[in-house]
Structure formats: C-alpha cells, structure tokens
C-alpha cells in the first residue's frame, strides 16, 4: 500500500458511491450490493476513500433483501394457493 501525504486529497471511490445510491432504491438493491462489495476491493487496491460508504451500502442492501424475503414468504403463504 502506498502512503498519501496529509496535504494531498484522497479521491472517493465511485463504486462505493454508486453502490450506496443503488442500495437505497429497493428495485436496485441487488445491484447496490454487488457494487458495494466490489468497492471494498477497489478501495483497498487503489487506496481510495469510501470504505464507510461501501459498508453502509452493503448494510442497506442486505436489509432490503431480508425485507423482500419476508414479504415474499407471506405473499406466497397467503396468496400462493389461491391465485
């Protein structure tokens, strides 16, 4: 890992930002999870900022996935045999 001096500004990972934005929207939560998980490796490789954004994007995406599974289970349970 290369060290960056304090006077230089460290750029933010675009993958982390994209992952967070996509994770917020329920329809694109899976893409947000993919971008956020990819951002972790991208951040470490290129020594960028955005580790916290990628972590938040991953957490939001996982929460959406859990919500989708619970709602899907109840919809299948109550309406699955009746449709």
PDB file of N, CA and C in Angstrom:
ATOM      1  N   UNK A   1       0.831  -1.181   0.000  1.00  0.00           N
ATOM      2  CA  UNK A   1       0.000   0.000   0.000  1.00  0.00           C
ATOM      3  C   UNK A   1       0.874   1.243   0.000  1.00  0.00           C
ATOM      4  N   UNK A   2       0.535   2.179  -0.851  1.00  0.00           N
ATOM      5  CA  UNK A   2       1.279   3.422  -0.876  1.00  0.00           C
ATOM      6  C   UNK A   2       0.683   4.412   0.116  1.00  0.00           C
ATOM      7  N   UNK A   3       1.528   5.208   0.681  1.00  0.00           N
ATOM      8  CA  UNK A   3       1.081   6.194   1.660  1.00  0.00           C
ATOM      9  C   UNK A   3       0.864   7.529   0.958  1.00  0.00           C
ATOM     10  N   UNK A   4      -0.202   8.202   1.320  1.00  0.00           N
ATOM     11  CA  UNK A   4      -0.502   9.507   0.754  1.00  0.00           C
ATOM     12  C   UNK A   4      -0.249  10.551   1.829  1.00  0.00           C
ATOM     13  N   UNK A   5       0.411  11.625   1.427  1.00  0.00           N
ATOM     14  CA  UNK A   5       0.707  12.687   2.379  1.00  0.00           C
ATOM     15  C   UNK A   5      -0.586  13.378   2.794  1.00  0.00           C
ATOM     16  N   UNK A   6      -0.530  13.998   3.953  1.00  0.00           N
ATOM     17  CA  UNK A   6      -1.706  14.655   4.502  1.00  0.00           C
ATOM     18  C   UNK A   6      -2.173  15.828   3.648  1.00  0.00           C
ATOM     19  N   UNK A   7      -1.266  16.478   2.905  1.00  0.00           N
ATOM     20  CA  UNK A   7      -1.649  17.648   2.123  1.00  0.00           C
ATOM     21  C   UNK A   7      -2.426  17.271   0.867  1.00  0.00           C
ATOM     22  N   UNK A   8      -2.273  16.035   0.392  1.00  0.00           N
ATOM     23  CA  UNK A   8      -2.992  15.607  -0.803  1.00  0.00           C
ATOM     24  C   UNK A   8      -4.406  15.177  -0.439  1.00  0.00           C
ATOM     25  N   UNK A   9      -5.313  15.384  -1.363  1.00  0.00           N
ATOM     26  CA  UNK A   9      -6.679  14.931  -1.138  1.00  0.00           C
ATOM     27  C   UNK A   9      -6.845  13.555  -1.750  1.00  0.00           C
ATOM     28  N   UNK A  10      -7.499  12.704  -1.032  1.00  0.00           N
ATOM     29  CA  UNK A  10      -7.717  11.335  -1.464  1.00  0.00           C
ATOM     30  C   UNK A  10      -9.077  11.265  -2.160  1.00  0.00           C
ATOM     31  N   UNK A  11      -9.142  10.766  -3.399  1.00  0.00           N
ATOM     32  CA  UNK A  11     -10.441  10.688  -4.080  1.00  0.00           C
ATOM     33  C   UNK A  11     -11.334   9.612  -3.476  1.00  0.00           C
ATOM     34  N   UNK A  12     -12.635   9.808  -3.634  1.00  0.00           N
ATOM     35  CA  UNK A  12     -13.615   8.852  -3.136  1.00  0.00           C
ATOM     36  C   UNK A  12     -13.898   7.838  -4.234  1.00  0.00           C
ATOM     37  N   UNK A  13     -14.058   6.599  -3.851  1.00  0.00           N
ATOM     38  CA  UNK A  13     -14.349   5.528  -4.804  1.00  0.00           C
ATOM     39  C   UNK A  13     -15.719   5.731  -5.425  1.00  0.00           C
ATOM     40  N   UNK A  14     -15.765   5.746  -6.758  1.00  0.00           N
ATOM     41  CA  UNK A  14     -17.036   5.909  -7.458  1.00  0.00           C
ATOM     42  C   UNK A  14     -17.904   4.666  -7.309  1.00  0.00           C
ATOM     43  N   UNK A  15     -17.277   3.512  -7.162  1.00  0.00           N
ATOM     44  CA  UNK A  15     -18.034   2.276  -6.968  1.00  0.00           C
ATOM     45  C   UNK A  15     -18.766   2.292  -5.627  1.00  0.00           C
ATOM     46  N   UNK A  16     -18.158   2.858  -4.606  1.00  0.00           N
ATOM     47  CA  UNK A  16     -18.806   2.947  -3.299  1.00  0.00           C
ATOM     48  C   UNK A  16     -20.001   3.888  -3.343  1.00  0.00           C
ATOM     49  N   UNK A  17     -19.855   4.999  -4.029  1.00  0.00           N
ATOM     50  CA  UNK A  17     -20.956   5.957  -4.155  1.00  0.00           C
ATOM     51  C   UNK A  17     -22.098   5.335  -4.964  1.00  0.00           C
ATOM     52  N   UNK A  18     -21.761   4.685  -6.079  1.00  0.00           N
ATOM     53  CA  UNK A  18     -22.787   4.043  -6.905  1.00  0.00           C
ATOM     54  C   UNK A  18     -23.489   2.931  -6.131  1.00  0.00           C
ATOM     55  N   UNK A  19     -22.730   2.167  -5.359  1.00  0.00           N
ATOM     56  CA  UNK A  19     -23.329   1.104  -4.554  1.00  0.00           C
ATOM     57  C   UNK A  19     -24.292   1.634  -3.522  1.00  0.00           C
ATOM     58  N   UNK A  20     -23.946   2.739  -2.891  1.00  0.00           N
ATOM     59  CA  UNK A  20     -24.826   3.342  -1.893  1.00  0.00           C
ATOM     60  C   UNK A  20     -26.103   3.876  -2.535  1.00  0.00           C
ATOM     61  N   UNK A  21     -25.965   4.559  -3.672  1.00  0.00           N
ATOM     62  CA  UNK A  21     -27.140   5.111  -4.351  1.00  0.00           C
ATOM     63  C   UNK A  21     -28.063   3.987  -4.819  1.00  0.00           C
ATOM     64  N   UNK A  22     -27.488   2.929  -5.399  1.00  0.00           N
ATOM     65  CA  UNK A  22     -28.305   1.818  -5.870  1.00  0.00           C
ATOM     66  C   UNK A  22     -28.917   1.027  -4.711  1.00  0.00           C
ATOM     67  N   UNK A  23     -28.248   0.983  -3.584  1.00  0.00           N
ATOM     68  CA  UNK A  23     -28.765   0.246  -2.429  1.00  0.00           C
ATOM     69  C   UNK A  23     -29.962   0.934  -1.796  1.00  0.00           C
ATOM     70  N   UNK A  24     -30.033   2.234  -1.904  1.00  0.00           N
ATOM     71  CA  UNK A  24     -31.134   2.971  -1.304  1.00  0.00           C
ATOM     72  C   UNK A  24     -32.445   2.658  -2.015  1.00  0.00           C
ATOM     73  N   UNK A  25     -32.395   2.485  -3.318  1.00  0.00           N
ATOM     74  CA  UNK A  25     -33.607   2.178  -4.083  1.00  0.00           C
ATOM     75  C   UNK A  25     -33.927   0.694  -3.958  1.00  0.00           C
ATOM     76  N   UNK A  26     -35.149   0.345  -3.581  1.00  0.00           N
ATOM     77  CA  UNK A  26     -35.484  -1.071  -3.375  1.00  0.00           C
ATOM     78  C   UNK A  26     -35.365  -1.924  -4.640  1.00  0.00           C
ATOM     79  N   UNK A  27     -35.670  -1.348  -5.787  1.00  0.00           N
ATOM     80  CA  UNK A  27     -35.647  -2.113  -7.033  1.00  0.00           C
ATOM     81  C   UNK A  27     -34.224  -2.509  -7.421  1.00  0.00           C
ATOM     82  N   UNK A  28     -33.260  -1.685  -7.097  1.00  0.00           N
ATOM     83  CA  UNK A  28     -31.875  -1.939  -7.492  1.00  0.00           C
ATOM     84  C   UNK A  28     -31.007  -2.366  -6.314  1.00  0.00           C
ATOM     85  N   UNK A  29     -31.605  -2.946  -5.290  1.00  0.00           N
ATOM     86  CA  UNK A  29     -30.847  -3.330  -4.094  1.00  0.00           C
ATOM     87  C   UNK A  29     -29.795  -4.396  -4.406  1.00  0.00           C
ATOM     88  N   UNK A  30     -30.104  -5.316  -5.298  1.00  0.00           N
ATOM     89  CA  UNK A  30     -29.125  -6.353  -5.640  1.00  0.00           C
ATOM     90  C   UNK A  30     -27.914  -5.753  -6.355  1.00  0.00           C
ATOM     91  N   UNK A  31     -28.152  -4.833  -7.273  1.00  0.00           N
ATOM     92  CA  UNK A  31     -27.037  -4.147  -7.929  1.00  0.00           C
ATOM     93  C   UNK A  31     -26.233  -3.315  -6.930  1.00  0.00           C
ATOM     94  N   UNK A  32     -26.924  -2.700  -5.984  1.00  0.00           N
ATOM     95  CA  UNK A  32     -26.228  -1.940  -4.945  1.00  0.00           C
ATOM     96  C   UNK A  32     -25.329  -2.822  -4.101  1.00  0.00           C
ATOM     97  N   UNK A  33     -25.807  -4.031  -3.808  1.00  0.00           N
ATOM     98  CA  UNK A  33     -24.984  -4.979  -3.046  1.00  0.00           C
ATOM     99  C   UNK A  33     -23.749  -5.378  -3.844  1.00  0.00           C
ATOM    100  N   UNK A  34     -23.924  -5.629  -5.119  1.00  0.00           N
ATOM    101  CA  UNK A  34     -22.790  -6.015  -5.970  1.00  0.00           C
ATOM    102  C   UNK A  34     -21.771  -4.880  -6.051  1.00  0.00           C
ATOM    103  N   UNK A  35     -22.237  -3.659  -6.290  1.00  0.00           N
ATOM    104  CA  UNK A  35     -21.321  -2.522  -6.376  1.00  0.00           C
ATOM    105  C   UNK A  35     -20.620  -2.276  -5.043  1.00  0.00           C
ATOM    106  N   UNK A  36     -21.347  -2.378  -3.945  1.00  0.00           N
ATOM    107  CA  UNK A  36     -20.749  -2.121  -2.636  1.00  0.00           C
ATOM    108  C   UNK A  36     -19.689  -3.155  -2.292  1.00  0.00           C
ATOM    109  N   UNK A  37     -19.971  -4.415  -2.578  1.00  0.00           N
ATOM    110  CA  UNK A  37     -18.978  -5.449  -2.295  1.00  0.00           C
ATOM    111  C   UNK A  37     -17.764  -5.329  -3.213  1.00  0.00           C
ATOM    112  N   UNK A  38     -17.985  -4.933  -4.440  1.00  0.00           N
ATOM    113  CA  UNK A  38     -16.866  -4.717  -5.366  1.00  0.00           C
ATOM    114  C   UNK A  38     -16.035  -3.514  -4.933  1.00  0.00           C
ATOM    115  N   UNK A  39     -16.684  -2.523  -4.342  1.00  0.00           N
ATOM    116  CA  UNK A  39     -15.984  -1.313  -3.923  1.00  0.00           C
ATOM    117  C   UNK A  39     -14.950  -1.597  -2.839  1.00  0.00           C
ATOM    118  N   UNK A  40     -15.206  -2.588  -1.972  1.00  0.00           N
ATOM    119  CA  UNK A  40     -14.229  -2.897  -0.923  1.00  0.00           C
ATOM    120  C   UNK A  40     -12.867  -3.251  -1.516  1.00  0.00           C
ATOM    121  N   UNK A  41     -12.861  -4.103  -2.531  1.00  0.00           N
ATOM    122  CA  UNK A  41     -11.601  -4.488  -3.162  1.00  0.00           C
ATOM    123  C   UNK A  41     -11.005  -3.308  -3.937  1.00  0.00           C
ATOM    124  N   UNK A  42     -11.864  -2.547  -4.596  1.00  0.00           N
ATOM    125  CA  UNK A  42     -11.412  -1.393  -5.369  1.00  0.00           C
ATOM    126  C   UNK A  42     -10.770  -0.348  -4.466  1.00  0.00           C
ATOM    127  N   UNK A  43     -11.348  -0.131  -3.302  1.00  0.00           N
ATOM    128  CA  UNK A  43     -10.821   0.859  -2.361  1.00  0.00           C
ATOM    129  C   UNK A  43      -9.448   0.434  -1.848  1.00  0.00           C
ATOM    130  N   UNK A  44      -9.310  -0.842  -1.494  1.00  0.00           N
ATOM    131  CA  UNK A  44      -8.035  -1.330  -0.977  1.00  0.00           C
ATOM    132  C   UNK A  44      -6.950  -1.328  -2.052  1.00  0.00           C
ATOM    133  N   UNK A  45      -7.319  -1.665  -3.264  1.00  0.00           N
ATOM    134  CA  UNK A  45      -6.340  -1.736  -4.354  1.00  0.00           C
ATOM    135  C   UNK A  45      -5.791  -0.370  -4.714  1.00  0.00           C
ATOM    136  N   UNK A  46      -6.660   0.623  -4.807  1.00  0.00           N
ATOM    137  CA  UNK A  46      -6.253   1.947  -5.280  1.00  0.00           C
ATOM    138  C   UNK A  46      -6.101   2.970  -4.164  1.00  0.00           C
ATOM    139  N   UNK A  47      -6.202   2.528  -2.911  1.00  0.00           N
ATOM    140  CA  UNK A  47      -6.024   3.405  -1.753  1.00  0.00           C
ATOM    141  C   UNK A  47      -6.933   4.628  -1.830  1.00  0.00           C
ATOM    142  N   UNK A  48      -8.231   4.379  -1.896  1.00  0.00           N
ATOM    143  CA  UNK A  48      -9.222   5.438  -2.008  1.00  0.00           C
ATOM    144  C   UNK A  48     -10.034   5.569  -0.725  1.00  0.00           C
ATOM    145  N   UNK A  49     -10.761   6.683  -0.624  1.00  0.00           N
ATOM    146  CA  UNK A  49     -11.734   6.853   0.450  1.00  0.00           C
ATOM    147  C   UNK A  49     -13.034   6.183   0.039  1.00  0.00           C
ATOM    148  N   UNK A  50     -13.914   5.967   0.984  1.00  0.00           N
ATOM    149  CA  UNK A  50     -15.228   5.443   0.680  1.00  0.00           C
ATOM    150  C   UNK A  50     -15.532   4.116   1.341  1.00  0.00           C
ATOM    151  N   UNK A  51     -14.678   3.685   2.256  1.00  0.00           N
ATOM    152  CA  UNK A  51     -14.911   2.416   2.930  1.00  0.00           C
ATOM    153  C   UNK A  51     -16.220   2.464   3.716  1.00  0.00           C
ATOM    154  N   UNK A  52     -16.500   3.583   4.364  1.00  0.00           N
ATOM    155  CA  UNK A  52     -17.728   3.728   5.138  1.00  0.00           C
ATOM    156  C   UNK A  52     -18.959   3.733   4.225  1.00  0.00           C
ATOM    157  N   UNK A  53     -18.850   4.366   3.043  1.00  0.00           N
ATOM    158  CA  UNK A  53     -19.966   4.376   2.090  1.00  0.00           C
ATOM    159  C   UNK A  53     -20.270   2.971   1.592  1.00  0.00           C
ATOM    160  N   UNK A  54     -19.225   2.210   1.313  1.00  0.00           N
ATOM    161  CA  UNK A  54     -19.422   0.835   0.850  1.00  0.00           C
ATOM    162  C   UNK A  54     -20.053  -0.020   1.941  1.00  0.00           C
ATOM    163  N   UNK A  55     -19.652   0.204   3.181  1.00  0.00           N
ATOM    164  CA  UNK A  55     -20.225  -0.554   4.298  1.00  0.00           C
ATOM    165  C   UNK A  55     -21.702  -0.223   4.486  1.00  0.00           C
ATOM    166  N   UNK A  56     -22.053   1.048   4.408  1.00  0.00           N
ATOM    167  CA  UNK A  56     -23.451   1.464   4.551  1.00  0.00           C
ATOM    168  C   UNK A  56     -24.284   0.920   3.394  1.00  0.00           C
ATOM    169  N   UNK A  57     -23.747   0.966   2.181  1.00  0.00           N
ATOM    170  CA  UNK A  57     -24.453   0.416   1.031  1.00  0.00           C
ATOM    171  C   UNK A  57     -24.698  -1.077   1.158  1.00  0.00           C
ATOM    172  N   UNK A  58     -23.723  -1.796   1.690  1.00  0.00           N
ATOM    173  CA  UNK A  58     -23.884  -3.238   1.898  1.00  0.00           C
ATOM    174  C   UNK A  58     -24.963  -3.520   2.937  1.00  0.00           C
ATOM    175  N   UNK A  59     -24.967  -2.779   4.015  1.00  0.00           N
ATOM    176  CA  UNK A  59     -25.954  -2.987   5.079  1.00  0.00           C
ATOM    177  C   UNK A  59     -27.363  -2.678   4.583  1.00  0.00           C
ATOM    178  N   UNK A  60     -27.529  -1.578   3.865  1.00  0.00           N
ATOM    179  CA  UNK A  60     -28.846  -1.223   3.344  1.00  0.00           C
ATOM    180  C   UNK A  60     -29.338  -2.279   2.362  1.00  0.00           C
ATOM    181  N   UNK A  61     -28.456  -2.767   1.497  1.00  0.00           N
ATOM    182  CA  UNK A  61     -28.844  -3.797   0.535  1.00  0.00           C
ATOM    183  C   UNK A  61     -29.271  -5.082   1.226  1.00  0.00           C
ATOM    184  N   UNK A  62     -28.547  -5.472   2.243  1.00  0.00           N
ATOM    185  CA  UNK A  62     -28.898  -6.695   2.970  1.00  0.00           C
ATOM    186  C   UNK A  62     -30.246  -6.523   3.682  1.00  0.00           C
ATOM    187  N   UNK A  63     -30.494  -5.350   4.231  1.00  0.00           N
ATOM    188  CA  UNK A  63     -31.793  -5.095   4.866  1.00  0.00           C
ATOM    189  C   UNK A  63     -32.916  -5.212   3.843  1.00  0.00           C
ATOM    190  N   UNK A  64     -32.721  -4.632   2.644  1.00  0.00           N
ATOM    191  CA  UNK A  64     -33.747  -4.751   1.604  1.00  0.00           C
ATOM    192  C   UNK A  64     -33.967  -6.210   1.207  1.00  0.00           C
ATOM    193  N   UNK A  65     -32.898  -6.989   1.118  1.00  0.00           N
ATOM    194  CA  UNK A  65     -33.039  -8.405   0.756  1.00  0.00           C
ATOM    195  C   UNK A  65     -33.846  -9.166   1.815  1.00  0.00           C
ATOM    196  N   UNK A  66     -33.598  -8.878   3.072  1.00  0.00           N
ATOM    197  CA  UNK A  66     -34.354  -9.528   4.150  1.00  0.00           C
ATOM    198  C   UNK A  66     -35.830  -9.130   4.080  1.00  0.00           C
ATOM    199  N   UNK A  67     -36.097  -7.847   3.834  1.00  0.00           N
ATOM    200  CA  UNK A  67     -37.483  -7.384   3.703  1.00  0.00           C
ATOM    201  C   UNK A  67     -38.170  -8.086   2.534  1.00  0.00           C
ATOM    202  N   UNK A  68     -37.482  -8.199   1.388  1.00  0.00           N
ATOM    203  CA  UNK A  68     -38.064  -8.871   0.226  1.00  0.00           C
ATOM    204  C   UNK A  68     -38.359 -10.333   0.521  1.00  0.00           C
ATOM    205  N   UNK A  69     -37.470 -11.005   1.224  1.00  0.00           N
ATOM    206  CA  UNK A  69     -37.707 -12.415   1.559  1.00  0.00           C
ATOM    207  C   UNK A  69     -38.906 -12.584   2.493  1.00  0.00           C
ATOM    208  N   UNK A  70     -39.010 -11.736   3.496  1.00  0.00           N
ATOM    209  CA  UNK A  70     -40.124 -11.832   4.441  1.00  0.00           C
ATOM    210  C   UNK A  70     -41.452 -11.522   3.738  1.00  0.00           C
ATOM    211  N   UNK A  71     -41.495 -10.454   2.960  1.00  0.00           N
ATOM    212  CA  UNK A  71     -42.720 -10.096   2.248  1.00  0.00           C
ATOM    213  C   UNK A  71     -43.079 -11.176   1.227  1.00  0.00           C
ATOM    214  N   UNK A  72     -42.092 -11.683   0.510  1.00  0.00           N
ATOM    215  CA  UNK A  72     -42.343 -12.747  -0.457  1.00  0.00           C
ATOM    216  C   UNK A  72     -42.879 -14.009   0.201  1.00  0.00           C
ATOM    217  N   UNK A  73     -42.360 -14.354   1.363  1.00  0.00           N
ATOM    218  CA  UNK A  73     -42.846 -15.530   2.081  1.00  0.00           C
ATOM    219  C   UNK A  73     -44.310 -15.370   2.462  1.00  0.00           C
ATOM    220  N   UNK A  74     -44.667 -14.209   3.023  1.00  0.00           N
ATOM    221  CA  UNK A  74     -46.050 -14.001   3.428  1.00  0.00           C
ATOM    222  C   UNK A  74     -46.995 -13.913   2.235  1.00  0.00           C
ATOM    223  N   UNK A  75     -46.541 -13.306   1.143  1.00  0.00           N
ATOM    224  CA  UNK A  75     -47.389 -13.271  -0.056  1.00  0.00           C
ATOM    225  C   UNK A  75     -47.609 -14.682  -0.597  1.00  0.00           C
ATOM    226  N   UNK A  76     -46.573 -15.485  -0.621  1.00  0.00           N
ATOM    227  CA  UNK A  76     -46.708 -16.869  -1.097  1.00  0.00           C
ATOM    228  C   UNK A  76     -47.596 -17.674  -0.162  1.00  0.00           C
ATOM    229  N   UNK A  77     -47.425 -17.455   1.131  1.00  0.00           N
ATOM    230  CA  UNK A  77     -48.209 -18.212   2.109  1.00  0.00           C
ATOM    231  C   UNK A  77     -49.702 -17.913   2.028  1.00  0.00           C
ATOM    232  N   UNK A  78     -50.051 -16.641   1.890  1.00  0.00           N
ATOM    233  CA  UNK A  78     -51.464 -16.270   1.909  1.00  0.00           C
ATOM    234  C   UNK A  78     -52.128 -16.271   0.528  1.00  0.00           C
ATOM    235  N   UNK A  79     -51.368 -16.016  -0.521  1.00  0.00           N
ATOM    236  CA  UNK A  79     -51.975 -15.929  -1.839  1.00  0.00           C
ATOM    237  C   UNK A  79     -51.457 -16.981  -2.816  1.00  0.00           C
ATOM    238  N   UNK A  80     -50.485 -17.763  -2.422  1.00  0.00           N
ATOM    239  CA  UNK A  80     -49.854 -18.722  -3.324  1.00  0.00           C
ATOM    240  C   UNK A  80     -50.804 -19.778  -3.837  1.00  0.00           C
ATOM    241  N   UNK A  81     -51.595 -20.364  -2.987  1.00  0.00           N
ATOM    242  CA  UNK A  81     -52.505 -21.425  -3.409  1.00  0.00           C
ATOM    243  C   UNK A  81     -53.820 -20.917  -3.961  1.00  0.00           C
ATOM    244  N   UNK A  82     -54.091 -19.632  -3.811  1.00  0.00           N
ATOM    245  CA  UNK A  82     -55.387 -19.073  -4.188  1.00  0.00           C
ATOM    246  C   UNK A  82     -55.366 -18.383  -5.548  1.00  0.00           C
ATOM    247  N   UNK A  83     -54.214 -18.169  -6.110  1.00  0.00           N
ATOM    248  CA  UNK A  83     -54.162 -17.459  -7.398  1.00  0.00           C
ATOM    249  C   UNK A  83     -54.346 -18.352  -8.549  1.00  0.00           C
TER     250      UNK A  83
END
